[in-house]
């Protein structure tokens, strides 16, 4: 394991915890509603968008691409 990998794992865990805390505060109903599972809904589209963005961010971390550069690429700028 390289020195960078533990930092990546810590960064992912910290972000995951931050999202969990935000969801508990802002949208506790999402764990019950599960609307992202309903076909042809905006919730499903946003879930997939968020998931692909998260995968891109993880790849950027693993590849060493600065997250700011990844966000710029995502916006198409």
Protein backbone atom coordinates (compact mmCIF):
# COMPACT_ATOMS: atom_id res chain seq x y z
CA UNK A 1 0.00 0.00 0.00
CA UNK A 2 1.39 3.39 -0.95
CA UNK A 3 1.41 6.38 1.38
CA UNK A 4 -1.29 8.00 -0.74
CA UNK A 5 -3.75 5.12 -0.36
CA UNK A 6 -4.38 5.53 3.41
CA UNK A 7 -5.00 9.24 2.78
CA UNK A 8 -7.48 8.37 0.05
CA UNK A 9 -9.29 5.94 2.31
CA UNK A 10 -9.45 8.53 5.09
CA UNK A 11 -10.77 11.15 2.66
CA UNK A 12 -13.47 8.80 1.38
CA UNK A 13 -14.50 7.81 4.91
CA UNK A 14 -14.66 11.45 6.01
CA UNK A 15 -16.80 12.39 3.01
CA UNK A 16 -19.07 9.40 3.58
CA UNK A 17 -19.58 10.40 7.20
CA UNK A 18 -20.27 13.98 6.19
CA UNK A 19 -22.93 12.86 3.73
CA UNK A 20 -24.53 10.59 6.32
CA UNK A 21 -24.69 13.44 8.82
CA UNK A 22 -26.14 15.81 6.22
CA UNK A 23 -28.78 13.27 5.20
CA UNK A 24 -29.76 12.60 8.82
CA UNK A 25 -30.26 16.33 9.30
CA UNK A 26 -31.74 17.35 5.94
CA UNK A 27 -33.50 14.28 4.56
CA UNK A 28 -33.95 11.44 7.06
CA UNK A 29 -36.86 10.07 5.01
CA UNK A 30 -34.62 8.95 2.11
CA UNK A 31 -33.67 5.69 3.79
CA UNK A 32 -37.35 4.74 3.98
CA UNK A 33 -38.76 6.28 0.77
CA UNK A 34 -36.16 4.83 -1.62
CA UNK A 35 -37.66 6.83 -4.51
CA UNK A 36 -34.45 6.41 -6.51
CA UNK A 37 -35.63 2.84 -7.14
CA UNK A 38 -38.76 4.02 -8.98
CA UNK A 39 -38.35 3.90 -12.77
CA UNK A 40 -38.69 7.12 -14.80
CA UNK A 41 -38.43 9.46 -11.81
CA UNK A 42 -36.24 12.51 -11.27
CA UNK A 43 -35.01 10.87 -8.06
CA UNK A 44 -33.63 7.93 -10.06
CA UNK A 45 -31.94 10.23 -12.56
CA UNK A 46 -30.35 12.30 -9.78
CA UNK A 47 -29.23 9.14 -7.97
CA UNK A 48 -27.46 7.89 -11.09
CA UNK A 49 -25.94 11.31 -11.72
CA UNK A 50 -24.62 11.46 -8.17
CA UNK A 51 -23.32 7.91 -8.35
CA UNK A 52 -21.41 8.49 -11.57
CA UNK A 53 -20.00 11.72 -10.14
CA UNK A 54 -18.86 9.87 -7.01
CA UNK A 55 -17.19 7.15 -9.08
CA UNK A 56 -15.41 9.84 -11.07
CA UNK A 57 -14.22 11.49 -7.86
CA UNK A 58 -12.89 8.17 -6.54
CA UNK A 59 -11.04 7.58 -9.81
CA UNK A 60 -9.60 11.08 -9.62
CA UNK A 61 -8.37 10.40 -6.09
CA UNK A 62 -6.79 7.10 -7.12
CA UNK A 63 -5.19 8.65 -10.20
CA UNK A 64 -3.96 11.66 -8.26
CA UNK A 65 -6.03 14.15 -10.27
CA UNK A 66 -6.82 17.22 -8.18
CA UNK A 67 -10.52 17.23 -7.29
CA UNK A 68 -10.87 20.82 -8.55
CA UNK A 69 -9.68 19.68 -11.99
CA UNK A 70 -12.16 16.79 -11.92
CA UNK A 71 -15.02 19.16 -11.10
CA UNK A 72 -14.02 21.44 -13.96
CA UNK A 73 -14.01 18.47 -16.34
CA UNK A 74 -17.47 17.43 -15.10
CA UNK A 75 -18.90 20.86 -15.87
CA UNK A 76 -17.44 20.74 -19.35
CA UNK A 77 -15.37 23.88 -18.85
